[in-house]
């Protein structure tokens, strides 16, 4: 009589191990998807930083050109040429 019981117990153990393995696979799949999303976000950030670095390198290499000086004065310092008018958007939306 012990043989049928041991066969049933081994089947239950195998079934439990299969369920455990499936649960781990599902959990790992979620973690892999999260890691993949994180990787894509980091790649996007790296690409944006590379563009920023390229712009800075250009400014460093061409620091003495009038166009670069003018762009830096306008964007970073808020300066304008004499006679230029600055318009500020007050956030009014014509659709309102």
N, C-alpha and C. Protein backbone atom coordinates (compact mmCIF):
# COMPACT_ATOMS: atom_id res chain seq x y z
N UNK A 1 0.80 -1.20 0.00
CA UNK A 1 0.00 0.00 0.00
C UNK A 1 0.85 1.27 0.00
N UNK A 2 2.04 1.16 0.41
CA UNK A 2 2.88 2.35 0.47
C UNK A 2 3.24 2.86 -0.93
N UNK A 3 3.30 2.00 -1.88
CA UNK A 3 3.64 2.42 -3.23
C UNK A 3 2.63 3.41 -3.81
N UNK A 4 1.35 3.17 -3.75
CA UNK A 4 0.41 4.15 -4.30
C UNK A 4 0.49 5.49 -3.59
N UNK A 5 0.69 5.50 -2.29
CA UNK A 5 0.78 6.78 -1.57
C UNK A 5 2.04 7.54 -1.98
N UNK A 6 3.14 6.86 -2.08
CA UNK A 6 4.37 7.55 -2.47
C UNK A 6 4.25 8.07 -3.89
N UNK A 7 3.55 7.40 -4.75
CA UNK A 7 3.33 7.88 -6.11
C UNK A 7 2.46 9.13 -6.10
N UNK A 8 1.47 9.16 -5.26
CA UNK A 8 0.59 10.33 -5.16
C UNK A 8 1.35 11.50 -4.56
N UNK A 9 2.15 11.24 -3.55
CA UNK A 9 2.93 12.31 -2.92
C UNK A 9 3.94 12.88 -3.91
N UNK A 10 4.59 12.03 -4.68
CA UNK A 10 5.56 12.53 -5.66
C UNK A 10 4.86 13.35 -6.74
N UNK A 11 3.66 12.93 -7.14
CA UNK A 11 2.90 13.72 -8.12
C UNK A 11 2.53 15.09 -7.56
N UNK A 12 2.14 15.13 -6.31
CA UNK A 12 1.79 16.40 -5.66
C UNK A 12 3.03 17.29 -5.57
N UNK A 13 4.16 16.71 -5.23
CA UNK A 13 5.41 17.48 -5.13
C UNK A 13 5.80 18.02 -6.50
N UNK A 14 5.72 17.21 -7.53
CA UNK A 14 6.04 17.65 -8.89
C UNK A 14 5.09 18.77 -9.32
N UNK A 15 3.81 18.59 -9.03
CA UNK A 15 2.82 19.61 -9.38
C UNK A 15 3.12 20.93 -8.65
N UNK A 16 3.47 20.85 -7.38
CA UNK A 16 3.80 22.05 -6.60
C UNK A 16 5.04 22.73 -7.17
N UNK A 17 6.03 21.95 -7.57
CA UNK A 17 7.24 22.51 -8.16
C UNK A 17 6.94 23.20 -9.50
N UNK A 18 6.04 22.62 -10.28
CA UNK A 18 5.65 23.23 -11.55
C UNK A 18 4.94 24.56 -11.30
N UNK A 19 4.05 24.58 -10.32
CA UNK A 19 3.36 25.83 -9.99
C UNK A 19 4.36 26.87 -9.49
N UNK A 20 5.29 26.47 -8.66
CA UNK A 20 6.32 27.38 -8.16
C UNK A 20 7.16 27.93 -9.31
N UNK A 21 7.55 27.07 -10.25
CA UNK A 21 8.36 27.51 -11.39
C UNK A 21 7.57 28.49 -12.26
N UNK A 22 6.30 28.21 -12.49
CA UNK A 22 5.46 29.12 -13.28
C UNK A 22 5.32 30.48 -12.60
N UNK A 23 5.13 30.48 -11.31
CA UNK A 23 5.00 31.75 -10.57
C UNK A 23 6.31 32.55 -10.67
N UNK A 24 7.43 31.85 -10.57
CA UNK A 24 8.72 32.55 -10.70
C UNK A 24 8.91 33.10 -12.10
N UNK A 25 8.51 32.36 -13.12
CA UNK A 25 8.63 32.83 -14.49
C UNK A 25 7.77 34.07 -14.73
N UNK A 26 6.57 34.07 -14.20
CA UNK A 26 5.70 35.24 -14.34
C UNK A 26 6.31 36.44 -13.63
N UNK A 27 6.84 36.21 -12.45
CA UNK A 27 7.49 37.30 -11.70
C UNK A 27 8.71 37.83 -12.45
N UNK A 28 9.51 36.92 -12.98
CA UNK A 28 10.70 37.34 -13.73
C UNK A 28 10.34 38.10 -14.99
N UNK A 29 9.26 37.70 -15.64
CA UNK A 29 8.83 38.41 -16.84
C UNK A 29 8.47 39.86 -16.52
N UNK A 30 7.77 40.07 -15.41
CA UNK A 30 7.45 41.44 -15.00
C UNK A 30 8.70 42.24 -14.68
N UNK A 31 9.64 41.61 -14.02
CA UNK A 31 10.89 42.31 -13.70
C UNK A 31 11.69 42.62 -14.96
N UNK A 32 11.67 41.71 -15.93
CA UNK A 32 12.37 41.95 -17.19
C UNK A 32 11.73 43.11 -17.94
N UNK A 33 10.41 43.17 -17.98
CA UNK A 33 9.73 44.28 -18.65
C UNK A 33 10.04 45.61 -17.97
N UNK A 34 10.07 45.61 -16.65
CA UNK A 34 10.41 46.83 -15.92
C UNK A 34 11.84 47.25 -16.23
N UNK A 35 12.75 46.29 -16.24
CA UNK A 35 14.15 46.59 -16.56
C UNK A 35 14.28 47.09 -17.99
N UNK A 36 13.51 46.53 -18.90
CA UNK A 36 13.54 46.96 -20.31
C UNK A 36 13.04 48.41 -20.43
N UNK A 37 11.97 48.73 -19.70
CA UNK A 37 11.46 50.11 -19.69
C UNK A 37 12.50 51.07 -19.13
N UNK A 38 13.14 50.65 -18.03
CA UNK A 38 14.20 51.49 -17.44
C UNK A 38 15.35 51.69 -18.43
N UNK A 39 15.71 50.64 -19.13
CA UNK A 39 16.78 50.73 -20.11
C UNK A 39 16.42 51.71 -21.23
N UNK A 40 15.19 51.64 -21.72
CA UNK A 40 14.76 52.56 -22.78
C UNK A 40 14.77 54.00 -22.29
N UNK A 41 14.34 54.23 -21.05
CA UNK A 41 14.35 55.58 -20.49
C UNK A 41 15.79 56.08 -20.35
N UNK A 42 16.68 55.23 -19.90
CA UNK A 42 18.09 55.63 -19.77
C UNK A 42 18.71 55.91 -21.13
N UNK A 43 18.34 55.12 -22.13
CA UNK A 43 18.86 55.38 -23.48
C UNK A 43 18.37 56.74 -23.99
N UNK A 44 17.10 57.07 -23.70
CA UNK A 44 16.57 58.36 -24.10
C UNK A 44 17.32 59.49 -23.40
N UNK A 45 17.59 59.32 -22.11
CA UNK A 45 18.32 60.33 -21.36
C UNK A 45 19.75 60.48 -21.87
N UNK A 46 20.39 59.37 -22.21
CA UNK A 46 21.75 59.42 -22.74
C UNK A 46 21.77 60.16 -24.08
N UNK A 47 20.78 59.89 -24.93
CA UNK A 47 20.71 60.56 -26.23
C UNK A 47 20.52 62.06 -26.04
N UNK A 48 19.65 62.45 -25.11
CA UNK A 48 19.44 63.88 -24.85
C UNK A 48 20.71 64.52 -24.31
N UNK A 49 21.42 63.82 -23.44
CA UNK A 49 22.66 64.37 -22.88
C UNK A 49 23.74 64.46 -23.94
N UNK A 50 23.78 63.51 -24.87
CA UNK A 50 24.76 63.57 -25.95
C UNK A 50 24.51 64.78 -26.85
N UNK A 51 23.24 65.08 -27.09
CA UNK A 51 22.90 66.27 -27.88
C UNK A 51 23.34 67.53 -27.14
N UNK A 52 23.06 67.58 -25.84
CA UNK A 52 23.47 68.73 -25.04
C UNK A 52 24.99 68.87 -25.03
N UNK A 53 25.69 67.75 -24.90
CA UNK A 53 27.16 67.79 -24.91
C UNK A 53 27.69 68.29 -26.25
N UNK A 54 27.06 67.82 -27.34
CA UNK A 54 27.50 68.27 -28.67
C UNK A 54 27.29 69.77 -28.83
N UNK A 55 26.18 70.29 -28.32
CA UNK A 55 25.94 71.73 -28.40
C UNK A 55 26.98 72.50 -27.59
N UNK A 56 27.30 71.99 -26.41
CA UNK A 56 28.31 72.66 -25.59
C UNK A 56 29.69 72.59 -26.24
N UNK A 57 30.03 71.46 -26.83
CA UNK A 57 31.31 71.33 -27.52
C UNK A 57 31.39 72.33 -28.68
N UNK A 58 30.29 72.49 -29.40
CA UNK A 58 30.26 73.46 -30.50
C UNK A 58 30.49 74.87 -29.96
N UNK A 59 29.81 75.19 -28.86
CA UNK A 59 29.99 76.52 -28.28
C UNK A 59 31.43 76.74 -27.81
N UNK A 60 32.04 75.70 -27.26
CA UNK A 60 33.42 75.82 -26.80
C UNK A 60 34.36 76.00 -27.99
N UNK A 61 34.15 75.21 -29.04
CA UNK A 61 35.04 75.29 -30.21
C UNK A 61 34.88 76.61 -30.96
N UNK A 62 33.69 77.19 -30.93
CA UNK A 62 33.41 78.41 -31.70
C UNK A 62 33.06 79.58 -30.78
N UNK A 63 33.68 79.62 -29.62
CA UNK A 63 33.34 80.64 -28.62
C UNK A 63 33.59 82.07 -29.10
N UNK A 64 34.46 82.25 -30.08
CA UNK A 64 34.81 83.60 -30.50
C UNK A 64 34.02 84.07 -31.73
N UNK A 65 33.10 83.26 -32.22
CA UNK A 65 32.30 83.66 -33.37
C UNK A 65 31.13 84.53 -32.90
N UNK A 66 30.83 85.61 -33.61
CA UNK A 66 29.76 86.52 -33.19
C UNK A 66 28.39 85.85 -33.08
N UNK A 67 28.10 84.91 -33.95
CA UNK A 67 26.80 84.24 -33.89
C UNK A 67 26.65 83.43 -32.60
N UNK A 68 27.70 82.72 -32.21
CA UNK A 68 27.67 81.93 -30.98
C UNK A 68 27.56 82.85 -29.77
N UNK A 69 28.32 83.93 -29.78
CA UNK A 69 28.27 84.89 -28.67
C UNK A 69 26.85 85.46 -28.55
N UNK A 70 26.25 85.80 -29.68
CA UNK A 70 24.90 86.35 -29.68
C UNK A 70 23.89 85.33 -29.15
N UNK A 71 24.01 84.08 -29.59
CA UNK A 71 23.09 83.03 -29.12
C UNK A 71 23.22 82.81 -27.62
N UNK A 72 24.44 82.79 -27.11
CA UNK A 72 24.65 82.61 -25.68
C UNK A 72 24.09 83.80 -24.90
N UNK A 73 24.33 85.01 -25.40
CA UNK A 73 23.83 86.21 -24.72
C UNK A 73 22.31 86.21 -24.68
N UNK A 74 21.68 85.76 -25.74
CA UNK A 74 20.21 85.75 -25.78
C UNK A 74 19.63 84.64 -24.90
N UNK A 75 20.13 83.43 -25.06
CA UNK A 75 19.51 82.30 -24.36
C UNK A 75 19.89 82.23 -22.88
N UNK A 76 21.15 82.45 -22.58
CA UNK A 76 21.60 82.28 -21.19
C UNK A 76 21.48 83.55 -20.36
N UNK A 77 21.73 84.69 -20.98
CA UNK A 77 21.76 85.94 -20.23
C UNK A 77 20.53 86.81 -20.43
N UNK A 78 19.70 86.48 -21.42
CA UNK A 78 18.49 87.25 -21.67
C UNK A 78 18.74 88.61 -22.29
N UNK A 79 19.88 88.79 -22.94
CA UNK A 79 20.22 90.07 -23.54
C UNK A 79 19.60 90.18 -24.94
N UNK A 80 19.39 91.42 -25.39
CA UNK A 80 18.87 91.68 -26.72
C UNK A 80 19.69 92.79 -27.37
N UNK A 81 19.56 92.88 -28.68
CA UNK A 81 20.23 93.96 -29.41
C UNK A 81 19.45 95.26 -29.21
N UNK A 82 20.12 96.39 -29.34
CA UNK A 82 19.40 97.66 -29.22
C UNK A 82 18.29 97.75 -30.26
N UNK A 83 17.12 98.21 -29.83
CA UNK A 83 15.98 98.37 -30.72
C UNK A 83 15.10 97.13 -30.83
N UNK A 84 15.53 95.99 -30.30
CA UNK A 84 14.70 94.80 -30.34
C UNK A 84 13.63 94.87 -29.26
N UNK A 85 12.50 94.31 -29.55
CA UNK A 85 11.39 94.30 -28.60
C UNK A 85 11.16 92.86 -28.16
N UNK A 86 11.00 92.66 -26.87
CA UNK A 86 10.74 91.34 -26.32
C UNK A 86 9.25 91.26 -25.97
N UNK A 87 8.61 90.20 -26.43
CA UNK A 87 7.21 89.96 -26.11
C UNK A 87 7.14 88.75 -25.17
N UNK A 88 6.42 88.91 -24.08
CA UNK A 88 6.24 87.83 -23.12
C UNK A 88 4.83 87.29 -23.26
N UNK A 89 4.72 85.98 -23.33
CA UNK A 89 3.42 85.32 -23.41
C UNK A 89 2.86 85.22 -22.01
N UNK A 90 1.71 85.82 -21.82
CA UNK A 90 1.08 85.81 -20.49
C UNK A 90 0.28 84.55 -20.20
N UNK A 91 0.31 83.60 -21.12
CA UNK A 91 -0.39 82.35 -20.89
C UNK A 91 -1.85 82.42 -21.28
N UNK A 92 -2.29 83.47 -21.95
CA UNK A 92 -3.69 83.59 -22.37
C UNK A 92 -3.94 82.67 -23.54
N UNK A 93 -5.00 81.91 -23.47
CA UNK A 93 -5.37 80.99 -24.54
C UNK A 93 -6.59 81.55 -25.23
N UNK A 94 -6.53 81.76 -26.55
CA UNK A 94 -7.61 82.37 -27.30
C UNK A 94 -8.86 81.47 -27.29
N UNK A 95 -8.71 80.19 -27.03
CA UNK A 95 -9.85 79.28 -27.04
C UNK A 95 -10.70 79.44 -25.80
N UNK A 96 -10.22 80.11 -24.77
CA UNK A 96 -10.99 80.26 -23.53
C UNK A 96 -12.14 81.18 -23.69
